[in-house]
Protein backbone atom coordinates (compact mmCIF):
# COMPACT_ATOMS: atom_id res chain seq x y z
CA UNK A 1 -20.17 -27.91 59.76
CA UNK A 2 -21.51 -31.46 59.09
CA UNK A 3 -22.56 -31.55 55.58
CA UNK A 4 -23.03 -34.43 53.39
CA UNK A 5 -23.66 -34.54 49.24
CA UNK A 6 -25.92 -36.57 48.07
CA UNK A 7 -24.24 -39.50 45.63
CA UNK A 8 -25.73 -42.13 43.16
CA UNK A 9 -25.47 -44.90 45.99
CA UNK A 10 -26.95 -42.49 49.20
CA UNK A 11 -29.44 -40.72 46.40
CA UNK A 12 -32.40 -43.83 47.66
CA UNK A 13 -31.97 -43.46 51.25
CA UNK A 14 -31.42 -39.70 52.13
CA UNK A 15 -34.10 -36.89 52.20
CA UNK A 16 -33.79 -33.94 49.53
CA UNK A 17 -34.68 -30.96 52.50
CA UNK A 18 -37.72 -28.92 50.35
CA UNK A 19 -39.48 -32.50 49.99
CA UNK A 20 -38.89 -34.36 52.85
CA UNK A 21 -42.00 -37.23 53.30
CA UNK A 22 -44.03 -36.93 50.61
CA UNK A 23 -43.97 -40.70 49.72
CA UNK A 24 -45.64 -40.93 46.27
CA UNK A 25 -43.97 -42.87 43.51
CA UNK A 26 -45.22 -40.02 41.06
CA UNK A 27 -44.71 -37.09 43.67
CA UNK A 28 -42.25 -34.08 43.24
CA UNK A 29 -40.04 -35.60 45.36
CA UNK A 30 -39.49 -38.97 43.77
CA UNK A 31 -39.05 -37.10 40.04
CA UNK A 32 -36.80 -34.66 41.52
CA UNK A 33 -34.63 -37.87 42.79
CA UNK A 34 -34.56 -39.16 39.45
CA UNK A 35 -33.96 -36.40 37.85
CA UNK A 36 -30.91 -35.50 40.47
CA UNK A 37 -29.70 -39.14 39.08
CA UNK A 38 -29.00 -38.04 35.97
CA UNK A 39 -27.80 -35.02 36.82
CA UNK A 40 -25.17 -36.43 39.33
CA UNK A 41 -22.98 -37.48 36.27
CA UNK A 42 -22.48 -34.57 35.17
CA UNK A 43 -21.32 -33.08 37.72
CA UNK A 44 -24.11 -31.88 39.92
CA UNK A 45 -23.18 -31.39 43.58
CA UNK A 46 -26.19 -31.17 46.07
CA UNK A 47 -24.94 -30.90 49.59
CA UNK A 48 -27.04 -30.60 52.65
CA UNK A 49 -26.57 -30.20 56.37
CA UNK A 50 -26.66 -33.89 57.85
CA UNK A 51 -30.30 -32.61 59.77
CA UNK A 52 -33.63 -33.18 58.91
CA UNK A 53 -34.51 -29.39 57.42
CA UNK A 54 -34.13 -27.35 54.36
CA UNK A 55 -30.56 -26.21 54.37
CA UNK A 56 -28.50 -26.69 51.02
CA UNK A 57 -27.19 -26.07 47.69
CA UNK A 58 -27.49 -26.84 44.91
CA UNK A 59 -25.35 -26.42 41.81
CA UNK A 60 -23.95 -27.93 38.09
CA UNK A 61 -21.13 -26.96 35.38
CA UNK A 62 -23.22 -24.10 33.67
CA UNK A 63 -23.08 -26.55 30.54
CA UNK A 64 -24.93 -28.53 31.92
CA UNK A 65 -27.65 -26.08 33.85
CA UNK A 66 -31.24 -26.32 32.62
CA UNK A 67 -31.61 -23.02 32.10
CA UNK A 68 -30.94 -20.64 29.47
CA UNK A 69 -27.99 -19.07 30.25
CA UNK A 70 -24.75 -18.98 28.16
CA UNK A 71 -21.67 -19.48 30.51
CA UNK A 72 -19.09 -22.02 29.32
CA UNK A 73 -16.51 -22.65 32.23
CA UNK A 74 -18.82 -21.93 35.50
CA UNK A 75 -20.38 -23.53 37.66
CA UNK A 76 -24.50 -22.66 38.06
CA UNK A 77 -25.64 -22.25 41.34
CA UNK A 78 -29.37 -23.95 40.83
CA UNK A 79 -31.04 -23.21 44.83
CA UNK A 80 -29.58 -22.24 48.06
CA UNK A 81 -31.72 -22.50 51.06
CA UNK A 82 -31.79 -22.03 54.59
CA UNK A 83 -35.23 -22.04 56.44
CA UNK A 84 -36.57 -21.83 59.46
CA UNK A 85 -34.28 -22.34 62.87
CA UNK A 86 -31.48 -23.31 60.82
CA UNK A 87 -31.21 -19.98 59.39
CA UNK A 88 -29.23 -17.07 61.32
CA UNK A 89 -26.16 -20.04 62.31
CA UNK A 90 -23.96 -19.59 59.55
CA UNK A 91 -25.31 -22.67 57.38
CA UNK A 92 -26.00 -20.12 54.22
CA UNK A 93 -22.17 -19.16 54.42
CA UNK A 94 -20.72 -22.88 54.98
CA UNK A 95 -22.64 -24.02 51.96
CA UNK A 96 -21.83 -20.48 49.52
CA UNK A 97 -17.67 -21.01 50.91
CA UNK A 98 -18.11 -24.95 49.36
CA UNK A 99 -19.11 -23.60 46.27
CA UNK A 100 -16.40 -21.06 46.59
CA UNK A 101 -14.22 -23.67 47.08
CA UNK A 102 -15.44 -26.16 43.99
CA UNK A 103 -15.28 -23.06 41.51
CA UNK A 104 -11.73 -21.65 42.81
CA UNK A 105 -9.73 -23.44 39.22
CA UNK A 106 -12.64 -22.57 36.90
CA UNK A 107 -14.03 -19.20 35.04
CA UNK A 108 -16.28 -18.56 38.43
CA UNK A 109 -20.30 -19.04 39.81
CA UNK A 110 -23.03 -17.48 38.04
CA UNK A 111 -26.41 -17.35 39.93
CA UNK A 112 -30.17 -16.15 38.86
CA UNK A 113 -31.40 -13.55 40.67
CA UNK A 114 -33.86 -10.62 40.16
CA UNK A 115 -34.38 -6.78 41.23
CA UNK A 116 -35.48 -7.50 44.19
CA UNK A 117 -35.71 -10.16 46.78
CA UNK A 118 -38.12 -13.10 45.19
CA UNK A 119 -39.40 -16.77 45.61
CA UNK A 120 -36.99 -19.08 44.62
CA UNK A 121 -34.66 -17.19 42.94
CA UNK A 122 -31.07 -16.48 44.80
CA UNK A 123 -30.68 -13.73 47.28
CA UNK A 124 -28.52 -11.20 45.49
CA UNK A 125 -27.80 -9.23 48.43
CA UNK A 126 -26.63 -12.23 50.40
CA UNK A 127 -24.39 -12.96 46.35
CA UNK A 128 -23.54 -9.47 46.25
CA UNK A 129 -21.42 -9.99 49.83
CA UNK A 130 -19.40 -12.72 48.66
CA UNK A 131 -18.19 -10.49 45.45
CA UNK A 132 -21.11 -11.24 42.99
CA UNK A 133 -21.55 -8.64 40.41
CA UNK A 134 -24.76 -8.22 37.97
CA UNK A 135 -23.90 -9.07 34.54
CA UNK A 136 -26.84 -9.49 32.59
CA UNK A 137 -30.77 -8.62 32.52
CA UNK A 138 -33.65 -10.15 31.10
CA UNK A 139 -37.08 -8.28 31.37
CA UNK A 140 -39.09 -7.75 33.68
CA UNK A 141 -36.72 -8.23 36.52
CA UNK A 142 -34.41 -11.09 35.62
CA UNK A 143 -31.02 -10.32 36.72
CA UNK A 144 -27.45 -12.78 36.50
CA UNK A 145 -25.02 -12.74 39.32
CA UNK A 146 -21.61 -13.77 38.35
CA UNK A 147 -18.22 -13.63 40.68
CA UNK A 148 -15.54 -14.43 38.76
CA UNK A 149 -11.74 -16.74 39.14
CA UNK A 150 -10.45 -15.00 36.04
CA UNK A 151 -11.38 -12.08 35.11
CA UNK A 152 -10.10 -13.24 30.93
CA UNK A 153 -13.08 -15.42 31.47
CA UNK A 154 -16.53 -13.79 28.95
CA UNK A 155 -18.82 -13.10 30.79
CA UNK A 156 -22.00 -15.44 31.10
CA UNK A 157 -25.24 -13.65 29.85
CA UNK A 158 -28.67 -14.72 29.12
CA UNK A 159 -30.08 -16.50 25.37
CA UNK A 160 -31.30 -13.95 23.18
CA UNK A 161 -34.66 -15.38 23.28
CA UNK A 162 -34.88 -15.64 27.16
CA UNK A 163 -34.62 -11.86 27.14
CA UNK A 164 -38.24 -10.82 26.90
CA UNK A 165 -39.71 -14.01 27.70
CA UNK A 166 -43.19 -15.00 25.51
CA UNK A 167 -44.66 -17.52 24.11
CA UNK A 168 -46.94 -18.18 20.92
CA UNK A 169 -49.78 -21.05 21.71
CA UNK A 170 -52.67 -18.41 21.43
CA UNK A 171 -55.02 -17.39 24.40
CA UNK A 172 -54.95 -18.87 27.89
CA UNK A 173 -52.55 -19.65 30.05
CA UNK A 174 -49.33 -21.69 29.25
CA UNK A 175 -47.76 -23.22 32.61
CA UNK A 176 -43.80 -24.73 31.80
CA UNK A 177 -42.29 -26.58 34.11
CA UNK A 178 -39.17 -29.01 35.08
CA UNK A 179 -38.63 -32.12 37.38
CA UNK A 180 -35.86 -29.76 39.34
CA UNK A 181 -37.97 -28.37 41.91
CA UNK A 182 -40.52 -30.87 43.61
CA UNK A 183 -42.86 -28.59 44.19
CA UNK A 184 -43.57 -27.24 40.54
CA UNK A 185 -44.32 -30.62 39.55
CA UNK A 186 -46.65 -31.20 42.37
CA UNK A 187 -48.68 -27.36 41.27
CA UNK A 188 -48.17 -29.04 37.87
CA UNK A 189 -50.07 -31.52 38.54
CA UNK A 190 -52.77 -29.34 40.41
CA UNK A 191 -53.05 -27.17 37.58
CA UNK A 192 -53.48 -30.08 35.04
CA UNK A 193 -56.57 -31.05 37.04
CA UNK A 194 -57.70 -27.67 37.97
CA UNK A 195 -57.95 -27.29 33.55
CA UNK A 196 -60.12 -30.08 33.31
CA UNK A 197 -62.37 -29.73 36.38
CA UNK A 198 -62.83 -26.42 35.09
CA UNK A 199 -62.61 -26.53 31.87
CA UNK A 200 -60.10 -23.30 31.79
CA UNK A 201 -57.75 -22.86 29.90
CA UNK A 202 -54.64 -23.77 31.05
CA UNK A 203 -51.84 -26.23 28.77
CA UNK A 204 -49.27 -27.49 30.66
CA UNK A 205 -45.68 -27.90 29.39
CA UNK A 206 -42.94 -30.31 31.09
CA UNK A 207 -39.72 -29.66 29.98
CA UNK A 208 -37.79 -32.82 30.32
CA UNK A 209 -34.59 -32.20 28.24
CA UNK A 210 -32.02 -30.40 29.42
CA UNK A 211 -32.22 -28.53 25.16
CA UNK A 212 -36.11 -27.62 25.97
CA UNK A 213 -34.49 -26.03 28.80
CA UNK A 214 -31.99 -24.14 27.52
CA UNK A 215 -33.97 -23.15 24.67
CA UNK A 216 -37.12 -22.15 26.87
CA UNK A 217 -38.08 -18.38 26.63
CA UNK A 218 -37.75 -17.21 29.88
CA UNK A 219 -34.59 -17.08 32.33
CA UNK A 220 -36.46 -19.72 34.72
CA UNK A 221 -36.99 -22.75 33.11
CA UNK A 222 -38.03 -24.39 36.71
CA UNK A 223 -41.67 -23.25 36.59
CA UNK A 224 -43.08 -20.30 34.45
CA UNK A 225 -46.75 -18.83 33.91
CA UNK A 226 -47.67 -16.96 30.79
CA UNK A 227 -50.97 -15.68 29.54
CA UNK A 228 -52.15 -14.68 25.87
CA UNK A 229 -48.40 -15.53 25.23
CA UNK A 230 -47.08 -12.95 27.76
CA UNK A 231 -45.17 -13.90 30.83
CA UNK A 232 -46.55 -13.19 34.32
CA UNK A 233 -44.34 -14.96 37.14
CA UNK A 234 -41.80 -17.69 37.62
CA UNK A 235 -43.42 -17.95 41.43
CA UNK A 236 -45.06 -21.17 41.84
CA UNK A 237 -49.42 -20.61 41.81
CA UNK A 238 -51.77 -22.73 43.91
CA UNK A 239 -55.52 -23.47 41.82
CA UNK A 240 -57.01 -20.46 43.40
CA UNK A 241 -54.40 -18.30 42.35
CA UNK A 242 -54.16 -19.25 38.53
CA UNK A 243 -58.11 -19.72 38.93
CA UNK A 244 -57.74 -15.94 39.49
CA UNK A 245 -55.23 -15.33 36.47
CA UNK A 246 -57.54 -16.83 34.26
CA UNK A 247 -60.45 -14.87 35.02
CA UNK A 248 -58.60 -11.34 35.00
CA UNK A 249 -59.50 -9.52 31.69
């Protein structure tokens, strides 16, 4: 399979699969590329099919993951995505096997999943075909899956503060995001505009450092929404869904 890795040198000219055509300098795509540039030097791998489509895997040494997960010596999968006409052709397996090969001499691989298939989280059913097993859980539906190469390596785990997600900013909606996902950035901007235009109490928090993301009180720091301090979802919300959430009693 003709896979290609992003590097500092080819990053300016290569597309990043999930957001191919947005040319705005302040777009989620531009900010994702800036984020990737800094992460590549930390060991992040972004491997994709050499084609115009959403076929890629992204992973990083877990110590550098923007997630409240404790997994020293492991690789952490940020994203594995195969979509559209590329499904069913073995690309997901090829990408996964490339990650397995990269991890063969370390403790193993860890991924964030859930009790059932959910958008943006790793597909547990797919990973379990490769021997991944559940090693930790967090409310309300998050699961941490691990594939160990070294049976003596400690089990990865969620940080204690991420096990029961909640925040303390008062009433209203709190939305947290990072630049790791271009859609998260773009929809955070939509949330800001909605708050200003309709006077809805939405506080948008940009987690712009690894330290902030690793201290985030929910397992998925890339995008998470709370209302009145309680966790609502990790799924990216449109303006209409945010407005409906704000109206709920």
